[in-house]
Structures are given as structure tokens and as C-alpha cells.
Amino acid sequence: MFGWLWFLIIGIAAGWLAGHITRGEGYGLLGNMVVGVIGAFVGGLLFGLVGLSAHGFIGSLIAATVGAVVFLFLLRYLKRFG
């Protein structure tokens, strides 16, 4: 139960951070939460592909934020050319 709660908290924080890093127009609280949660999955996948692992709150937040930034760039690319 607490694992999912922390996952959502990290996702919300990662979505918010990614929105500020990419200096976009933002997707609102719910949108940033969704971007952050998807970014957590993307970040975990990307970190695994390059042989990195994220442990603890800070490591998970970094991985989720990197994934959310990548996901935001992908969304903006598809929006522009899609």
C-alpha cells in the first residue's frame, strides 16, 4: 500500500519538476501527475537499459524526473509533427 503511495508522490513531484525543466505551458496538477507517473516507468526503463539503478527516494525521484522529461519531449514532438 505505501509503495504505491510513494510511487504516486514521486510521480507528482517528477511531473512538476519536469514541467519546470522543460519550461512548457504545463498540463495542470492532474496532467503533471500523469506525466510524472508515466515518466517514472520510462525513467526506470531507461535507467535499466543503460545499466543504472535508482535506490531510495532521491534516486527514484531523479529517475522519474529524467523519464518525465523524456516523455514530455516525446509528447511535444508528436504534438508538433503528429
N, C-alpha and C. Protein backbone atom coordinates (compact mmCIF):
# COMPACT_ATOMS: atom_id res chain seq x y z
N MET A 1 0.82 -1.19 0.00
CA MET A 1 0.00 0.00 0.00
C MET A 1 0.87 1.26 0.00
N PHE A 2 1.84 1.32 0.90
CA PHE A 2 2.68 2.51 0.98
C PHE A 2 3.59 2.63 -0.23
N GLY A 3 3.93 1.50 -0.86
CA GLY A 3 4.75 1.54 -2.06
C GLY A 3 4.07 2.31 -3.18
N TRP A 4 2.78 2.07 -3.37
CA TRP A 4 2.04 2.79 -4.40
C TRP A 4 1.86 4.25 -4.04
N LEU A 5 1.68 4.53 -2.78
CA LEU A 5 1.55 5.92 -2.35
C LEU A 5 2.83 6.69 -2.62
N TRP A 6 3.98 6.10 -2.28
CA TRP A 6 5.26 6.75 -2.56
C TRP A 6 5.48 6.91 -4.06
N PHE A 7 5.07 5.90 -4.82
CA PHE A 7 5.20 5.95 -6.27
C PHE A 7 4.42 7.14 -6.83
N LEU A 8 3.20 7.36 -6.33
CA LEU A 8 2.39 8.49 -6.77
C LEU A 8 2.99 9.82 -6.33
N ILE A 9 3.50 9.88 -5.11
CA ILE A 9 4.12 11.11 -4.62
C ILE A 9 5.35 11.45 -5.45
N ILE A 10 6.16 10.45 -5.74
CA ILE A 10 7.34 10.68 -6.58
C ILE A 10 6.92 11.07 -7.98
N GLY A 11 5.87 10.45 -8.50
CA GLY A 11 5.37 10.80 -9.83
C GLY A 11 4.89 12.23 -9.91
N ILE A 12 4.15 12.67 -8.89
CA ILE A 12 3.67 14.05 -8.86
C ILE A 12 4.85 15.03 -8.83
N ALA A 13 5.81 14.75 -7.96
CA ALA A 13 6.99 15.62 -7.85
C ALA A 13 7.79 15.61 -9.15
N ALA A 14 7.95 14.44 -9.77
CA ALA A 14 8.72 14.34 -11.02
C ALA A 14 8.01 15.08 -12.14
N GLY A 15 6.69 14.99 -12.21
CA GLY A 15 5.94 15.71 -13.24
C GLY A 15 6.07 17.21 -13.08
N TRP A 16 6.00 17.67 -11.83
CA TRP A 16 6.16 19.09 -11.55
C TRP A 16 7.56 19.57 -11.94
N LEU A 17 8.58 18.81 -11.52
CA LEU A 17 9.96 19.16 -11.86
C LEU A 17 10.19 19.16 -13.37
N ALA A 18 9.68 18.14 -14.04
CA ALA A 18 9.87 18.04 -15.49
C ALA A 18 9.20 19.21 -16.20
N GLY A 19 8.03 19.63 -15.71
CA GLY A 19 7.36 20.79 -16.30
C GLY A 19 8.20 22.05 -16.18
N HIS A 20 8.89 22.21 -15.06
CA HIS A 20 9.74 23.38 -14.88
C HIS A 20 11.04 23.26 -15.66
N ILE A 21 11.58 22.06 -15.76
CA ILE A 21 12.83 21.86 -16.51
C ILE A 21 12.62 22.14 -17.98
N THR A 22 11.51 21.68 -18.52
CA THR A 22 11.26 21.84 -19.96
C THR A 22 10.61 23.17 -20.29
N ARG A 23 10.25 23.94 -19.27
CA ARG A 23 9.68 25.28 -19.43
C ARG A 23 8.47 25.28 -20.38
N GLY A 24 7.62 24.31 -20.20
CA GLY A 24 6.43 24.22 -21.04
C GLY A 24 5.26 24.96 -20.44
N GLU A 25 4.16 24.86 -21.16
CA GLU A 25 2.96 25.52 -20.68
C GLU A 25 2.32 24.75 -19.55
N GLY A 26 2.72 23.54 -19.32
CA GLY A 26 2.20 22.75 -18.21
C GLY A 26 0.91 22.06 -18.57
N TYR A 27 0.59 21.05 -17.81
CA TYR A 27 -0.61 20.27 -18.04
C TYR A 27 -1.53 20.29 -16.84
N GLY A 28 -1.29 21.17 -15.89
CA GLY A 28 -2.09 21.23 -14.69
C GLY A 28 -1.68 20.15 -13.70
N LEU A 29 -2.29 20.15 -12.53
CA LEU A 29 -1.91 19.22 -11.48
C LEU A 29 -2.13 17.77 -11.91
N LEU A 30 -3.30 17.45 -12.42
CA LEU A 30 -3.59 16.08 -12.83
C LEU A 30 -2.73 15.65 -13.99
N GLY A 31 -2.56 16.55 -14.96
CA GLY A 31 -1.71 16.24 -16.12
C GLY A 31 -0.27 16.01 -15.72
N ASN A 32 0.25 16.85 -14.82
CA ASN A 32 1.62 16.66 -14.35
C ASN A 32 1.76 15.35 -13.58
N MET A 33 0.72 14.97 -12.84
CA MET A 33 0.77 13.71 -12.11
C MET A 33 0.85 12.55 -13.09
N VAL A 34 0.04 12.59 -14.13
CA VAL A 34 0.06 11.52 -15.13
C VAL A 34 1.41 11.48 -15.84
N VAL A 35 1.92 12.64 -16.23
CA VAL A 35 3.24 12.71 -16.88
C VAL A 35 4.32 12.16 -15.95
N GLY A 36 4.25 12.51 -14.67
CA GLY A 36 5.25 12.04 -13.72
C GLY A 36 5.18 10.54 -13.49
N VAL A 37 3.98 9.99 -13.40
CA VAL A 37 3.83 8.55 -13.18
C VAL A 37 4.31 7.78 -14.42
N ILE A 38 3.93 8.25 -15.60
CA ILE A 38 4.43 7.61 -16.83
C ILE A 38 5.94 7.81 -16.91
N GLY A 39 6.41 8.98 -16.52
CA GLY A 39 7.86 9.25 -16.50
C GLY A 39 8.60 8.33 -15.56
N ALA A 40 7.98 7.95 -14.46
CA ALA A 40 8.62 7.01 -13.54
C ALA A 40 8.85 5.67 -14.22
N PHE A 41 7.86 5.22 -14.98
CA PHE A 41 8.04 3.98 -15.74
C PHE A 41 9.11 4.13 -16.81
N VAL A 42 9.05 5.24 -17.56
CA VAL A 42 10.03 5.49 -18.63
C VAL A 42 11.44 5.61 -18.04
N GLY A 43 11.56 6.35 -16.94
CA GLY A 43 12.87 6.50 -16.30
C GLY A 43 13.43 5.18 -15.81
N GLY A 44 12.59 4.36 -15.21
CA GLY A 44 13.04 3.04 -14.78
C GLY A 44 13.51 2.19 -15.94
N LEU A 45 12.78 2.26 -17.05
CA LEU A 45 13.17 1.52 -18.25
C LEU A 45 14.48 2.04 -18.81
N LEU A 46 14.60 3.37 -18.93
CA LEU A 46 15.82 3.95 -19.49
C LEU A 46 17.03 3.67 -18.61
N PHE A 47 16.86 3.82 -17.30
CA PHE A 47 17.97 3.54 -16.39
C PHE A 47 18.39 2.08 -16.48
N GLY A 48 17.42 1.18 -16.61
CA GLY A 48 17.73 -0.24 -16.74
C GLY A 48 18.46 -0.55 -18.03
N LEU A 49 18.09 0.14 -19.11
CA LEU A 49 18.74 -0.10 -20.41
C LEU A 49 20.20 0.32 -20.41
N VAL A 50 20.53 1.36 -19.67
CA VAL A 50 21.92 1.81 -19.63
C VAL A 50 22.70 1.24 -18.45
N GLY A 51 22.05 0.37 -17.67
CA GLY A 51 22.74 -0.31 -16.58
C GLY A 51 22.80 0.47 -15.28
N LEU A 52 21.96 1.48 -15.12
CA LEU A 52 21.93 2.25 -13.88
C LEU A 52 20.77 1.76 -13.01
N SER A 53 20.90 1.97 -11.73
CA SER A 53 19.79 1.65 -10.83
C SER A 53 19.58 2.82 -9.88
N ALA A 54 18.33 3.03 -9.52
CA ALA A 54 17.98 4.13 -8.64
C ALA A 54 17.45 3.54 -7.33
N HIS A 55 18.04 3.94 -6.23
CA HIS A 55 17.63 3.45 -4.92
C HIS A 55 17.25 4.61 -4.03
N GLY A 56 16.25 4.40 -3.20
CA GLY A 56 15.84 5.42 -2.25
C GLY A 56 14.99 6.48 -2.91
N PHE A 57 14.57 7.42 -2.09
CA PHE A 57 13.67 8.48 -2.56
C PHE A 57 14.34 9.36 -3.60
N ILE A 58 15.55 9.82 -3.33
CA ILE A 58 16.23 10.74 -4.25
C ILE A 58 16.54 10.06 -5.58
N GLY A 59 17.04 8.83 -5.53
CA GLY A 59 17.33 8.10 -6.76
C GLY A 59 16.08 7.87 -7.59
N SER A 60 14.99 7.51 -6.92
CA SER A 60 13.72 7.30 -7.63
C SER A 60 13.20 8.60 -8.22
N LEU A 61 13.36 9.69 -7.48
CA LEU A 61 12.91 10.99 -7.98
C LEU A 61 13.73 11.41 -9.20
N ILE A 62 15.01 11.17 -9.18
CA ILE A 62 15.86 11.51 -10.33
C ILE A 62 15.47 10.68 -11.54
N ALA A 63 15.32 9.37 -11.36
CA ALA A 63 14.94 8.50 -12.48
C ALA A 63 13.57 8.90 -13.04
N ALA A 64 12.62 9.17 -12.16
CA ALA A 64 11.28 9.55 -12.60
C ALA A 64 11.30 10.89 -13.31
N THR A 65 12.10 11.84 -12.84
CA THR A 65 12.18 13.14 -13.47
C THR A 65 12.82 13.04 -14.84
N VAL A 66 13.88 12.26 -14.97
CA VAL A 66 14.51 12.05 -16.28
C VAL A 66 13.50 11.42 -17.24
N GLY A 67 12.78 10.42 -16.76
CA GLY A 67 11.77 9.79 -17.60
C GLY A 67 10.66 10.74 -17.98
N ALA A 68 10.23 11.59 -17.05
CA ALA A 68 9.16 12.55 -17.33
C ALA A 68 9.62 13.60 -18.34
N VAL A 69 10.87 14.04 -18.25
CA VAL A 69 11.40 15.00 -19.21
C VAL A 69 11.43 14.36 -20.60
N VAL A 70 11.91 13.13 -20.69
CA VAL A 70 11.93 12.43 -21.98
C VAL A 70 10.51 12.28 -22.52
N PHE A 71 9.57 11.92 -21.65
CA PHE A 71 8.18 11.74 -22.05
C PHE A 71 7.58 13.07 -22.52
N LEU A 72 7.89 14.18 -21.84
CA LEU A 72 7.38 15.48 -22.26
C LEU A 72 7.94 15.89 -23.63
N PHE A 73 9.22 15.65 -23.85
CA PHE A 73 9.80 15.95 -25.15
C PHE A 73 9.13 15.12 -26.24
N LEU A 74 8.86 13.85 -25.94
CA LEU A 74 8.19 12.98 -26.90
C LEU A 74 6.77 13.48 -27.18
N LEU A 75 6.03 13.87 -26.13
CA LEU A 75 4.69 14.41 -26.32
C LEU A 75 4.71 15.67 -27.18
N ARG A 76 5.64 16.55 -26.92
CA ARG A 76 5.71 17.80 -27.69
C ARG A 76 6.11 17.55 -29.13
N TYR A 77 6.99 16.58 -29.33
CA TYR A 77 7.40 16.21 -30.70
C TYR A 77 6.21 15.66 -31.46
N LEU A 78 5.46 14.75 -30.84
CA LEU A 78 4.30 14.17 -31.51
C LEU A 78 3.21 15.20 -31.75
N LYS A 79 3.06 16.14 -30.84
CA LYS A 79 2.05 17.20 -30.99
C LYS A 79 2.42 18.12 -32.16
N ARG A 80 3.71 18.39 -32.31
CA ARG A 80 4.16 19.29 -33.36
C ARG A 80 4.07 18.64 -34.73
N PHE A 81 4.46 17.37 -34.85
CA PHE A 81 4.53 16.71 -36.13
C PHE A 81 3.43 15.67 -36.35
N GLY A 82 2.61 15.47 -35.33
CA GLY A 82 1.58 14.42 -35.43
C GLY A 82 0.31 14.84 -36.06
